[in-house]
């Protein structure tokens, strides 16, 4: 029974991978993600880490092996979108600029948006 439990934990380790996201201030956020995790899960982790509530303006970008940039799709599995092997490196980026930054509710959102 113990060997069955151990083999299960080894199997679960193989289903996880390291992911590093470069934030807008050039710091890095590193976490372990389940292989079947969707993009929304990673995005929510980053937003929670930054205490970012107004999420609509941001997204995660990655560069594929052919040097093409892509937005991480939140409804799809991260591992299926990435064409490289783990560990994965991505970047938090501004996806949409608000027409009136002064109308943003949260100070942290204004801070994260480049002037």
PDB file of N, CA and C in Angstrom:
ATOM      1  N   UNK A   1       0.817  -1.194   0.000  1.00  0.00           N
ATOM      2  CA  UNK A   1       0.000   0.000   0.000  1.00  0.00           C
ATOM      3  C   UNK A   1       0.857   1.253   0.000  1.00  0.00           C
ATOM      4  N   UNK A   2       1.927   1.257   0.770  1.00  0.00           N
ATOM      5  CA  UNK A   2       2.791   2.417   0.828  1.00  0.00           C
ATOM      6  C   UNK A   2       3.408   2.707  -0.540  1.00  0.00           C
ATOM      7  N   UNK A   3       3.844   1.662  -1.264  1.00  0.00           N
ATOM      8  CA  UNK A   3       4.438   1.888  -2.578  1.00  0.00           C
ATOM      9  C   UNK A   3       3.413   2.481  -3.547  1.00  0.00           C
ATOM     10  N   UNK A   4       2.152   2.094  -3.405  1.00  0.00           N
ATOM     11  CA  UNK A   4       1.108   2.646  -4.271  1.00  0.00           C
ATOM     12  C   UNK A   4       0.939   4.145  -3.992  1.00  0.00           C
ATOM     13  N   UNK A   5       0.972   4.517  -2.704  1.00  0.00           N
ATOM     14  CA  UNK A   5       0.862   5.933  -2.343  1.00  0.00           C
ATOM     15  C   UNK A   5       2.056   6.715  -2.877  1.00  0.00           C
ATOM     16  N   UNK A   6       3.225   6.151  -2.729  1.00  0.00           N
ATOM     17  CA  UNK A   6       4.421   6.848  -3.195  1.00  0.00           C
ATOM     18  C   UNK A   6       4.408   6.991  -4.714  1.00  0.00           C
ATOM     19  N   UNK A   7       4.001   5.969  -5.425  1.00  0.00           N
ATOM     20  CA  UNK A   7       3.987   6.077  -6.880  1.00  0.00           C
ATOM     21  C   UNK A   7       2.963   7.121  -7.320  1.00  0.00           C
ATOM     22  N   UNK A   8       1.864   7.257  -6.561  1.00  0.00           N
ATOM     23  CA  UNK A   8       0.877   8.286  -6.866  1.00  0.00           C
ATOM     24  C   UNK A   8       1.461   9.674  -6.687  1.00  0.00           C
ATOM     25  N   UNK A   9       2.271   9.857  -5.627  1.00  0.00           N
ATOM     26  CA  UNK A   9       2.858  11.181  -5.411  1.00  0.00           C
ATOM     27  C   UNK A   9       3.917  11.487  -6.462  1.00  0.00           C
ATOM     28  N   UNK A  10       4.638  10.479  -6.898  1.00  0.00           N
ATOM     29  CA  UNK A  10       5.606  10.693  -7.973  1.00  0.00           C
ATOM     30  C   UNK A  10       4.870  11.084  -9.252  1.00  0.00           C
ATOM     31  N   UNK A  11       3.772  10.408  -9.531  1.00  0.00           N
ATOM     32  CA  UNK A  11       2.979  10.722 -10.713  1.00  0.00           C
ATOM     33  C   UNK A  11       2.462  12.160 -10.642  1.00  0.00           C
ATOM     34  N   UNK A  12       2.046  12.602  -9.456  1.00  0.00           N
ATOM     35  CA  UNK A  12       1.523  13.958  -9.332  1.00  0.00           C
ATOM     36  C   UNK A  12       2.638  14.984  -9.529  1.00  0.00           C
ATOM     37  N   UNK A  13       3.867  14.646  -9.118  1.00  0.00           N
ATOM     38  CA  UNK A  13       4.983  15.559  -9.352  1.00  0.00           C
ATOM     39  C   UNK A  13       5.226  15.744 -10.842  1.00  0.00           C
ATOM     40  N   UNK A  14       5.058  14.688 -11.603  1.00  0.00           N
ATOM     41  CA  UNK A  14       5.257  14.785 -13.048  1.00  0.00           C
ATOM     42  C   UNK A  14       4.178  15.641 -13.694  1.00  0.00           C
ATOM     43  N   UNK A  15       3.080  15.824 -12.993  1.00  0.00           N
ATOM     44  CA  UNK A  15       1.977  16.601 -13.547  1.00  0.00           C
ATOM     45  C   UNK A  15       2.073  18.072 -13.168  1.00  0.00           C
ATOM     46  N   UNK A  16       3.141  18.450 -12.504  1.00  0.00           N
ATOM     47  CA  UNK A  16       3.344  19.844 -12.116  1.00  0.00           C
ATOM     48  C   UNK A  16       4.540  20.416 -12.854  1.00  0.00           C
ATOM     49  N   UNK A  17       4.534  21.723 -13.030  1.00  0.00           N
ATOM     50  CA  UNK A  17       5.685  22.364 -13.650  1.00  0.00           C
ATOM     51  C   UNK A  17       5.885  23.752 -13.060  1.00  0.00           C
ATOM     52  N   UNK A  18       7.105  24.235 -13.186  1.00  0.00           N
ATOM     53  CA  UNK A  18       7.458  25.563 -12.692  1.00  0.00           C
ATOM     54  C   UNK A  18       7.098  26.598 -13.748  1.00  0.00           C
ATOM     55  N   UNK A  19       6.652  27.726 -13.278  1.00  0.00           N
ATOM     56  CA  UNK A  19       6.247  28.807 -14.154  1.00  0.00           C
ATOM     57  C   UNK A  19       6.748  30.110 -13.548  1.00  0.00           C
ATOM     58  N   UNK A  20       7.426  30.927 -14.343  1.00  0.00           N
ATOM     59  CA  UNK A  20       7.893  32.231 -13.896  1.00  0.00           C
ATOM     60  C   UNK A  20       7.228  33.298 -14.748  1.00  0.00           C
ATOM     61  N   UNK A  21       6.670  34.290 -14.076  1.00  0.00           N
ATOM     62  CA  UNK A  21       6.019  35.398 -14.775  1.00  0.00           C
ATOM     63  C   UNK A  21       6.755  36.672 -14.405  1.00  0.00           C
ATOM     64  N   UNK A  22       7.256  37.373 -15.426  1.00  0.00           N
ATOM     65  CA  UNK A  22       7.906  38.667 -15.209  1.00  0.00           C
ATOM     66  C   UNK A  22       6.805  39.711 -15.082  1.00  0.00           C
ATOM     67  N   UNK A  23       6.823  40.422 -13.975  1.00  0.00           N
ATOM     68  CA  UNK A  23       5.793  41.416 -13.705  1.00  0.00           C
ATOM     69  C   UNK A  23       6.153  42.750 -14.350  1.00  0.00           C
ATOM     70  N   UNK A  24       5.243  43.695 -14.293  1.00  0.00           N
ATOM     71  CA  UNK A  24       5.445  44.976 -14.976  1.00  0.00           C
ATOM     72  C   UNK A  24       6.607  45.782 -14.410  1.00  0.00           C
ATOM     73  N   UNK A  25       6.965  45.551 -13.151  1.00  0.00           N
ATOM     74  CA  UNK A  25       8.096  46.268 -12.548  1.00  0.00           C
ATOM     75  C   UNK A  25       9.407  45.486 -12.686  1.00  0.00           C
ATOM     76  N   UNK A  26       9.407  44.477 -13.556  1.00  0.00           N
ATOM     77  CA  UNK A  26      10.569  43.626 -13.839  1.00  0.00           C
ATOM     78  C   UNK A  26      10.949  42.669 -12.710  1.00  0.00           C
ATOM     79  N   UNK A  27      10.121  42.575 -11.670  1.00  0.00           N
ATOM     80  CA  UNK A  27      10.341  41.518 -10.685  1.00  0.00           C
ATOM     81  C   UNK A  27       9.731  40.239 -11.251  1.00  0.00           C
ATOM     82  N   UNK A  28      10.044  39.111 -10.635  1.00  0.00           N
ATOM     83  CA  UNK A  28       9.534  37.838 -11.126  1.00  0.00           C
ATOM     84  C   UNK A  28       8.704  37.141 -10.060  1.00  0.00           C
ATOM     85  N   UNK A  29       7.657  36.491 -10.513  1.00  0.00           N
ATOM     86  CA  UNK A  29       6.794  35.685  -9.657  1.00  0.00           C
ATOM     87  C   UNK A  29       6.901  34.253 -10.151  1.00  0.00           C
ATOM     88  N   UNK A  30       7.349  33.351  -9.284  1.00  0.00           N
ATOM     89  CA  UNK A  30       7.532  31.952  -9.662  1.00  0.00           C
ATOM     90  C   UNK A  30       6.580  31.091  -8.849  1.00  0.00           C
ATOM     91  N   UNK A  31       5.955  30.139  -9.525  1.00  0.00           N
ATOM     92  CA  UNK A  31       5.017  29.250  -8.847  1.00  0.00           C
ATOM     93  C   UNK A  31       5.043  27.879  -9.516  1.00  0.00           C
ATOM     94  N   UNK A  32       4.410  26.928  -8.856  1.00  0.00           N
ATOM     95  CA  UNK A  32       4.241  25.587  -9.400  1.00  0.00           C
ATOM     96  C   UNK A  32       2.787  25.441  -9.819  1.00  0.00           C
ATOM     97  N   UNK A  33       2.586  24.972 -11.035  1.00  0.00           N
ATOM     98  CA  UNK A  33       1.252  24.867 -11.620  1.00  0.00           C
ATOM     99  C   UNK A  33       0.989  23.410 -12.007  1.00  0.00           C
ATOM    100  N   UNK A  34      -0.229  22.961 -11.807  1.00  0.00           N
ATOM    101  CA  UNK A  34      -0.626  21.638 -12.293  1.00  0.00           C
ATOM    102  C   UNK A  34      -0.616  21.649 -13.819  1.00  0.00           C
ATOM    103  N   UNK A  35      -0.212  20.562 -14.414  1.00  0.00           N
ATOM    104  CA  UNK A  35      -0.107  20.480 -15.876  1.00  0.00           C
ATOM    105  C   UNK A  35      -1.425  20.819 -16.576  1.00  0.00           C
ATOM    106  N   UNK A  36      -2.550  20.482 -15.963  1.00  0.00           N
ATOM    107  CA  UNK A  36      -3.837  20.746 -16.615  1.00  0.00           C
ATOM    108  C   UNK A  36      -4.455  22.087 -16.219  1.00  0.00           C
ATOM    109  N   UNK A  37      -3.694  22.937 -15.502  1.00  0.00           N
ATOM    110  CA  UNK A  37      -4.219  24.245 -15.081  1.00  0.00           C
ATOM    111  C   UNK A  37      -4.484  25.129 -16.291  1.00  0.00           C
ATOM    112  N   UNK A  38      -5.563  25.867 -16.206  1.00  0.00           N
ATOM    113  CA  UNK A  38      -5.929  26.789 -17.280  1.00  0.00           C
ATOM    114  C   UNK A  38      -5.242  28.136 -17.049  1.00  0.00           C
ATOM    115  N   UNK A  39      -5.181  28.925 -18.098  1.00  0.00           N
ATOM    116  CA  UNK A  39      -4.554  30.238 -18.017  1.00  0.00           C
ATOM    117  C   UNK A  39      -5.172  31.127 -16.953  1.00  0.00           C
ATOM    118  N   UNK A  40      -6.484  31.001 -16.755  1.00  0.00           N
ATOM    119  CA  UNK A  40      -7.178  31.821 -15.754  1.00  0.00           C
ATOM    120  C   UNK A  40      -6.623  31.582 -14.355  1.00  0.00           C
ATOM    121  N   UNK A  41      -6.256  30.338 -14.062  1.00  0.00           N
ATOM    122  CA  UNK A  41      -5.702  30.008 -12.749  1.00  0.00           C
ATOM    123  C   UNK A  41      -4.405  30.778 -12.494  1.00  0.00           C
ATOM    124  N   UNK A  42      -3.504  30.777 -13.462  1.00  0.00           N
ATOM    125  CA  UNK A  42      -2.239  31.490 -13.314  1.00  0.00           C
ATOM    126  C   UNK A  42      -2.485  32.991 -13.209  1.00  0.00           C
ATOM    127  N   UNK A  43      -3.361  33.512 -14.044  1.00  0.00           N
ATOM    128  CA  UNK A  43      -3.662  34.937 -14.016  1.00  0.00           C
ATOM    129  C   UNK A  43      -4.233  35.341 -12.651  1.00  0.00           C
ATOM    130  N   UNK A  44      -5.122  34.518 -12.114  1.00  0.00           N
ATOM    131  CA  UNK A  44      -5.687  34.811 -10.791  1.00  0.00           C
ATOM    132  C   UNK A  44      -4.616  34.764  -9.705  1.00  0.00           C
ATOM    133  N   UNK A  45      -3.676  33.835  -9.794  1.00  0.00           N
ATOM    134  CA  UNK A  45      -2.568  33.782  -8.827  1.00  0.00           C
ATOM    135  C   UNK A  45      -1.753  35.071  -8.853  1.00  0.00           C
ATOM    136  N   UNK A  46      -1.439  35.539 -10.049  1.00  0.00           N
ATOM    137  CA  UNK A  46      -0.642  36.759 -10.197  1.00  0.00           C
ATOM    138  C   UNK A  46      -1.410  37.966  -9.663  1.00  0.00           C
ATOM    139  N   UNK A  47      -2.682  38.067 -10.029  1.00  0.00           N
ATOM    140  CA  UNK A  47      -3.494  39.192  -9.562  1.00  0.00           C
ATOM    141  C   UNK A  47      -3.620  39.186  -8.046  1.00  0.00           C
ATOM    142  N   UNK A  48      -3.762  38.005  -7.461  1.00  0.00           N
ATOM    143  CA  UNK A  48      -3.820  37.897  -6.005  1.00  0.00           C
ATOM    144  C   UNK A  48      -2.488  38.331  -5.392  1.00  0.00           C
ATOM    145  N   UNK A  49      -1.384  37.899  -5.973  1.00  0.00           N
ATOM    146  CA  UNK A  49      -0.052  38.271  -5.498  1.00  0.00           C
ATOM    147  C   UNK A  49       0.127  39.791  -5.515  1.00  0.00           C
ATOM    148  N   UNK A  50      -0.389  40.438  -6.550  1.00  0.00           N
ATOM    149  CA  UNK A  50      -0.253  41.894  -6.691  1.00  0.00           C
ATOM    150  C   UNK A  50      -1.383  42.667  -6.015  1.00  0.00           C
ATOM    151  N   UNK A  51      -2.371  41.947  -5.487  1.00  0.00           N
ATOM    152  CA  UNK A  51      -3.573  42.569  -4.941  1.00  0.00           C
ATOM    153  C   UNK A  51      -4.269  43.426  -6.002  1.00  0.00           C
ATOM    154  N   UNK A  52      -4.299  42.918  -7.207  1.00  0.00           N
ATOM    155  CA  UNK A  52      -4.855  43.619  -8.366  1.00  0.00           C
ATOM    156  C   UNK A  52      -6.296  43.173  -8.570  1.00  0.00           C
ATOM    157  N   UNK A  53      -7.233  44.097  -8.408  1.00  0.00           N
ATOM    158  CA  UNK A  53      -8.646  43.773  -8.526  1.00  0.00           C
ATOM    159  C   UNK A  53      -9.209  44.103  -9.906  1.00  0.00           C
ATOM    160  N   UNK A  54      -8.719  45.169 -10.524  1.00  0.00           N
ATOM    161  CA  UNK A  54      -9.196  45.571 -11.851  1.00  0.00           C
ATOM    162  C   UNK A  54      -8.356  44.832 -12.892  1.00  0.00           C
ATOM    163  N   UNK A  55      -8.736  43.596 -13.164  1.00  0.00           N
ATOM    164  CA  UNK A  55      -7.935  42.685 -13.970  1.00  0.00           C
ATOM    165  C   UNK A  55      -8.121  42.862 -15.468  1.00  0.00           C
ATOM    166  N   UNK A  56      -9.192  43.503 -15.879  1.00  0.00           N
ATOM    167  CA  UNK A  56      -9.563  43.538 -17.298  1.00  0.00           C
ATOM    168  C   UNK A  56      -8.520  44.169 -18.206  1.00  0.00           C
ATOM    169  N   UNK A  57      -7.635  44.966 -17.650  1.00  0.00           N
ATOM    170  CA  UNK A  57      -6.656  45.689 -18.469  1.00  0.00           C
ATOM    171  C   UNK A  57      -5.384  44.892 -18.720  1.00  0.00           C
ATOM    172  N   UNK A  58      -5.244  43.738 -18.083  1.00  0.00           N
ATOM    173  CA  UNK A  58      -3.989  42.998 -18.109  1.00  0.00           C
ATOM    174  C   UNK A  58      -4.147  41.612 -18.729  1.00  0.00           C
ATOM    175  N   UNK A  59      -3.042  41.059 -19.161  1.00  0.00           N
ATOM    176  CA  UNK A  59      -3.005  39.715 -19.696  1.00  0.00           C
ATOM    177  C   UNK A  59      -1.610  39.151 -19.529  1.00  0.00           C
ATOM    178  N   UNK A  60      -1.443  37.897 -19.916  1.00  0.00           N
ATOM    179  CA  UNK A  60      -0.140  37.231 -19.834  1.00  0.00           C
ATOM    180  C   UNK A  60       0.314  36.910 -21.249  1.00  0.00           C
ATOM    181  N   UNK A  61       1.539  37.305 -21.550  1.00  0.00           N
ATOM    182  CA  UNK A  61       2.094  37.001 -22.872  1.00  0.00           C
ATOM    183  C   UNK A  61       3.259  36.041 -22.743  1.00  0.00           C
ATOM    184  N   UNK A  62       3.450  35.272 -23.809  1.00  0.00           N
ATOM    185  CA  UNK A  62       4.611  34.385 -23.868  1.00  0.00           C
ATOM    186  C   UNK A  62       5.144  34.391 -25.296  1.00  0.00           C
ATOM    187  N   UNK A  63       6.375  33.961 -25.440  1.00  0.00           N
ATOM    188  CA  UNK A  63       7.031  33.900 -26.747  1.00  0.00           C
ATOM    189  C   UNK A  63       7.260  32.431 -27.065  1.00  0.00           C
ATOM    190  N   UNK A  64       6.825  32.009 -28.250  1.00  0.00           N
ATOM    191  CA  UNK A  64       7.003  30.609 -28.636  1.00  0.00           C
ATOM    192  C   UNK A  64       8.422  30.394 -29.184  1.00  0.00           C
ATOM    193  N   UNK A  65       8.807  29.141 -29.447  1.00  0.00           N
ATOM    194  CA  UNK A  65      10.168  28.867 -29.934  1.00  0.00           C
ATOM    195  C   UNK A  65      10.502  29.571 -31.257  1.00  0.00           C
ATOM    196  N   UNK A  66       9.483  29.955 -32.025  1.00  0.00           N
ATOM    197  CA  UNK A  66       9.717  30.679 -33.277  1.00  0.00           C
ATOM    198  C   UNK A  66       9.759  32.184 -33.064  1.00  0.00           C
ATOM    199  N   UNK A  67       9.815  32.616 -31.806  1.00  0.00           N
ATOM    200  CA  UNK A  67       9.895  34.028 -31.418  1.00  0.00           C
ATOM    201  C   UNK A  67       8.614  34.811 -31.705  1.00  0.00           C
ATOM    202  N   UNK A  68       7.492  34.115 -31.810  1.00  0.00           N
ATOM    203  CA  UNK A  68       6.194  34.766 -31.995  1.00  0.00           C
ATOM    204  C   UNK A  68       5.558  35.005 -30.624  1.00  0.00           C
ATOM    205  N   UNK A  69       4.999  36.193 -30.445  1.00  0.00           N
ATOM    206  CA  UNK A  69       4.339  36.521 -29.178  1.00  0.00           C
ATOM    207  C   UNK A  69       2.876  36.118 -29.226  1.00  0.00           C
ATOM    208  N   UNK A  70       2.396  35.606 -28.089  1.00  0.00           N
ATOM    209  CA  UNK A  70       1.004  35.177 -27.975  1.00  0.00           C
ATOM    210  C   UNK A  70       0.454  35.607 -26.626  1.00  0.00           C
ATOM    211  N   UNK A  71      -0.839  35.903 -26.590  1.00  0.00           N
ATOM    212  CA  UNK A  71      -1.524  36.096 -25.315  1.00  0.00           C
ATOM    213  C   UNK A  71      -1.940  34.722 -24.810  1.00  0.00           C
ATOM    214  N   UNK A  72      -1.708  34.467 -23.541  1.00  0.00           N
ATOM    215  CA  UNK A  72      -2.153  33.230 -22.925  1.00  0.00           C
ATOM    216  C   UNK A  72      -3.682  33.258 -22.869  1.00  0.00           C
ATOM    217  N   UNK A  73      -4.295  32.221 -23.399  1.00  0.00           N
ATOM    218  CA  UNK A  73      -5.754  32.135 -23.375  1.00  0.00           C
ATOM    219  C   UNK A  73      -6.183  31.549 -22.035  1.00  0.00           C
ATOM    220  N   UNK A  74      -7.085  32.253 -21.362  1.00  0.00           N
ATOM    221  CA  UNK A  74      -7.462  31.882 -20.005  1.00  0.00           C
ATOM    222  C   UNK A  74      -8.331  30.642 -19.944  1.00  0.00           C
ATOM    223  N   UNK A  75      -8.995  30.303 -21.038  1.00  0.00           N
ATOM    224  CA  UNK A  75      -9.902  29.152 -21.017  1.00  0.00           C
ATOM    225  C   UNK A  75      -9.211  27.856 -21.426  1.00  0.00           C
ATOM    226  N   UNK A  76      -7.946  27.944 -21.816  1.00  0.00           N
ATOM    227  CA  UNK A  76      -7.222  26.753 -22.282  1.00  0.00           C
ATOM    228  C   UNK A  76      -6.116  26.372 -21.311  1.00  0.00           C
ATOM    229  N   UNK A  77      -5.734  25.116 -21.363  1.00  0.00           N
ATOM    230  CA  UNK A  77      -4.640  24.605 -20.544  1.00  0.00           C
ATOM    231  C   UNK A  77      -3.338  25.325 -20.909  1.00  0.00           C
ATOM    232  N   UNK A  78      -2.584  25.714 -19.891  1.00  0.00           N
ATOM    233  CA  UNK A  78      -1.313  26.410 -20.115  1.00  0.00           C
ATOM    234  C   UNK A  78      -0.348  25.512 -20.875  1.00  0.00           C
ATOM    235  N   UNK A  79      -0.225  24.268 -20.433  1.00  0.00           N
ATOM    236  CA  UNK A  79       0.760  23.372 -21.048  1.00  0.00           C
ATOM    237  C   UNK A  79       0.445  23.088 -22.516  1.00  0.00           C
ATOM    238  N   UNK A  80      -0.829  23.115 -22.893  1.00  0.00           N
ATOM    239  CA  UNK A  80      -1.171  22.878 -24.297  1.00  0.00           C
ATOM    240  C   UNK A  80      -0.893  24.095 -25.170  1.00  0.00           C
ATOM    241  N   UNK A  81      -0.873  25.278 -24.567  1.00  0.00           N
ATOM    242  CA  UNK A  81      -0.592  26.486 -25.338  1.00  0.00           C
ATOM    243  C   UNK A  81       0.906  26.693 -25.542  1.00  0.00           C
ATOM    244  N   UNK A  82       1.689  26.288 -24.567  1.00  0.00           N
ATOM    245  CA  UNK A  82       3.142  26.494 -24.633  1.00  0.00           C
ATOM    246  C   UNK A  82       3.756  25.441 -25.552  1.00  0.00           C
ATOM    247  N   UNK A  83       4.563  25.886 -26.474  1.00  0.00           N
ATOM    248  CA  UNK A  83       5.204  24.951 -27.396  1.00  0.00           C
ATOM    249  C   UNK A  83       6.599  24.550 -26.919  1.00  0.00           C
ATOM    250  N   UNK A  84       7.064  25.185 -25.861  1.00  0.00           N
ATOM    251  CA  UNK A  84       8.364  24.839 -25.300  1.00  0.00           C
ATOM    252  C   UNK A  84       8.164  23.890 -24.122  1.00  0.00           C
ATOM    253  N   UNK A  85       9.262  23.458 -23.544  1.00  0.00           N
ATOM    254  CA  UNK A  85       9.212  22.567 -22.390  1.00  0.00           C
ATOM    255  C   UNK A  85       9.333  23.392 -21.111  1.00  0.00           C
ATOM    256  N   UNK A  86       8.745  22.915 -20.010  1.00  0.00           N
ATOM    257  CA  UNK A  86       8.890  23.627 -18.733  1.00  0.00           C
ATOM    258  C   UNK A  86      10.363  23.692 -18.328  1.00  0.00           C
ATOM    259  N   UNK A  87      10.760  24.641 -17.512  1.00  0.00           N
ATOM    260  CA  UNK A  87       9.916  25.653 -16.879  1.00  0.00           C
ATOM    261  C   UNK A  87       9.485  26.723 -17.891  1.00  0.00           C
ATOM    262  N   UNK A  88       8.283  27.245 -17.698  1.00  0.00           N
ATOM    263  CA  UNK A  88       7.735  28.233 -18.608  1.00  0.00           C
ATOM    264  C   UNK A  88       8.020  29.642 -18.083  1.00  0.00           C
ATOM    265  N   UNK A  89       8.304  30.550 -19.000  1.00  0.00           N
ATOM    266  CA  UNK A  89       8.511  31.948 -18.654  1.00  0.00           C
ATOM    267  C   UNK A  89       7.535  32.787 -19.455  1.00  0.00           C
ATOM    268  N   UNK A  90       6.829  33.651 -18.750  1.00  0.00           N
ATOM    269  CA  UNK A  90       5.827  34.512 -19.381  1.00  0.00           C
ATOM    270  C   UNK A  90       5.954  35.906 -18.797  1.00  0.00           C
ATOM    271  N   UNK A  91       5.161  36.830 -19.328  1.00  0.00           N
ATOM    272  CA  UNK A  91       5.193  38.213 -18.851  1.00  0.00           C
ATOM    273  C   UNK A  91       3.784  38.742 -18.636  1.00  0.00           C
ATOM    274  N   UNK A  92       3.573  39.424 -17.529  1.00  0.00           N
ATOM    275  CA  UNK A  92       2.329  40.156 -17.325  1.00  0.00           C
ATOM    276  C   UNK A  92       2.438  41.434 -18.137  1.00  0.00           C
ATOM    277  N   UNK A  93       1.433  41.733 -18.927  1.00  0.00           N
ATOM    278  CA  UNK A  93       1.466  42.919 -19.786  1.00  0.00           C
ATOM    279  C   UNK A  93       0.127  43.628 -19.744  1.00  0.00           C
ATOM    280  N   UNK A  94       0.161  44.902 -20.103  1.00  0.00           N
ATOM    281  CA  UNK A  94      -1.078  45.660 -20.253  1.00  0.00           C
ATOM    282  C   UNK A  94      -1.690  45.230 -21.580  1.00  0.00           C
ATOM    283  N   UNK A  95      -2.924  44.795 -21.535  1.00  0.00           N
ATOM    284  CA  UNK A  95      -3.616  44.341 -22.739  1.00  0.00           C
ATOM    285  C   UNK A  95      -4.506  45.448 -23.303  1.00  0.00           C
ATOM    286  N   UNK A  96      -5.110  46.208 -22.417  1.00  0.00           N
ATOM    287  CA  UNK A  96      -5.971  47.326 -22.813  1.00  0.00           C
ATOM    288  C   UNK A  96      -5.660  48.525 -21.934  1.00  0.00           C
ATOM    289  N   UNK A  97      -5.582  49.696 -22.537  1.00  0.00           N
ATOM    290  CA  UNK A  97      -5.393  50.920 -21.773  1.00  0.00           C
ATOM    291  C   UNK A  97      -6.751  51.573 -21.551  1.00  0.00           C
ATOM    292  N   UNK A  98      -7.052  51.951 -20.326  1.00  0.00           N
ATOM    293  CA  UNK A  98      -8.342  52.594 -20.076  1.00  0.00           C
ATOM    294  C   UNK A  98      -8.374  53.977 -20.723  1.00  0.00           C
ATOM    295  N   UNK A  99      -9.531  54.400 -21.228  1.00  0.00           N
ATOM    296  CA  UNK A  99      -9.608  55.719 -21.852  1.00  0.00           C
ATOM    297  C   UNK A  99      -9.329  56.848 -20.858  1.00  0.00           C
ATOM    298  N   UNK A 100      -9.692  56.643 -19.594  1.00  0.00           N
ATOM    299  CA  UNK A 100      -9.463  57.654 -18.564  1.00  0.00           C
ATOM    300  C   UNK A 100      -8.850  56.991 -17.331  1.00  0.00           C
ATOM    301  N   UNK A 101      -7.500  56.935 -17.260  1.00  0.00           N
ATOM    302  CA  UNK A 101      -6.856  56.269 -16.121  1.00  0.00           C
ATOM    303  C   UNK A 101      -7.259  56.855 -14.765  1.00  0.00           C
ATOM    304  N   UNK A 102      -7.628  58.115 -14.745  1.00  0.00           N
ATOM    305  CA  UNK A 102      -8.035  58.733 -13.475  1.00  0.00           C
ATOM    306  C   UNK A 102      -9.334  58.124 -12.944  1.00  0.00           C
ATOM    307  N   UNK A 103     -10.111  57.500 -13.823  1.00  0.00           N
ATOM    308  CA  UNK A 103     -11.386  56.897 -13.411  1.00  0.00           C
ATOM    309  C   UNK A 103     -11.211  55.508 -12.798  1.00  0.00           C
ATOM    310  N   UNK A 104      -9.996  54.980 -12.807  1.00  0.00           N
ATOM    311  CA  UNK A 104      -9.758  53.662 -12.204  1.00  0.00           C
ATOM    312  C   UNK A 104     -10.022  53.736 -10.706  1.00  0.00           C
ATOM    313  N   UNK A 105     -10.614  52.692 -10.166  1.00  0.00           N
ATOM    314  CA  UNK A 105     -10.994  52.678  -8.755  1.00  0.00           C
ATOM    315  C   UNK A 105      -9.817  52.387  -7.832  1.00  0.00           C
ATOM    316  N   UNK A 106      -8.911  51.534  -8.274  1.00  0.00           N
ATOM    317  CA  UNK A 106      -7.831  51.059  -7.414  1.00  0.00           C
ATOM    318  C   UNK A 106      -6.506  51.763  -7.729  1.00  0.00           C
ATOM    319  N   UNK A 107      -5.835  52.216  -6.680  1.00  0.00           N
ATOM    320  CA  UNK A 107      -4.537  52.873  -6.852  1.00  0.00           C
ATOM    321  C   UNK A 107      -3.506  51.905  -7.438  1.00  0.00           C
ATOM    322  N   UNK A 108      -3.564  50.629  -7.046  1.00  0.00           N
ATOM    323  CA  UNK A 108      -2.604  49.639  -7.551  1.00  0.00           C
ATOM    324  C   UNK A 108      -2.732  49.479  -9.064  1.00  0.00           C
ATOM    325  N   UNK A 109      -3.938  49.605  -9.601  1.00  0.00           N
ATOM    326  CA  UNK A 109      -4.116  49.505 -11.047  1.00  0.00           C
ATOM    327  C   UNK A 109      -3.435  50.686 -11.734  1.00  0.00           C
ATOM    328  N   UNK A 110      -3.627  51.870 -11.197  1.00  0.00           N
ATOM    329  CA  UNK A 110      -2.963  53.063 -11.765  1.00  0.00           C
ATOM    330  C   UNK A 110      -1.455  52.904 -11.684  1.00  0.00           C
ATOM    331  N   UNK A 111      -0.971  52.321 -10.602  1.00  0.00           N
ATOM    332  CA  UNK A 111       0.467  52.110 -10.435  1.00  0.00           C
ATOM    333  C   UNK A 111       1.000  51.132 -11.483  1.00  0.00           C
ATOM    334  N   UNK A 112       0.273  50.070 -11.767  1.00  0.00           N
ATOM    335  CA  UNK A 112       0.728  49.054 -12.694  1.00  0.00           C
ATOM    336  C   UNK A 112       0.672  49.509 -14.166  1.00  0.00           C
ATOM    337  N   UNK A 113      -0.203  50.458 -14.475  1.00  0.00           N
ATOM    338  CA  UNK A 113      -0.293  50.943 -15.852  1.00  0.00           C
ATOM    339  C   UNK A 113       0.818  51.947 -16.108  1.00  0.00           C
ATOM    340  N   UNK A 114       1.619  51.739 -17.176  1.00  0.00           N
ATOM    341  CA  UNK A 114       2.689  52.692 -17.483  1.00  0.00           C
ATOM    342  C   UNK A 114       2.089  54.059 -17.834  1.00  0.00           C
ATOM    343  N   UNK A 115       2.761  55.092 -17.413  1.00  0.00           N
ATOM    344  CA  UNK A 115       2.291  56.464 -17.700  1.00  0.00           C
ATOM    345  C   UNK A 115       2.624  56.895 -19.106  1.00  0.00           C
TER     346      UNK A 115
END
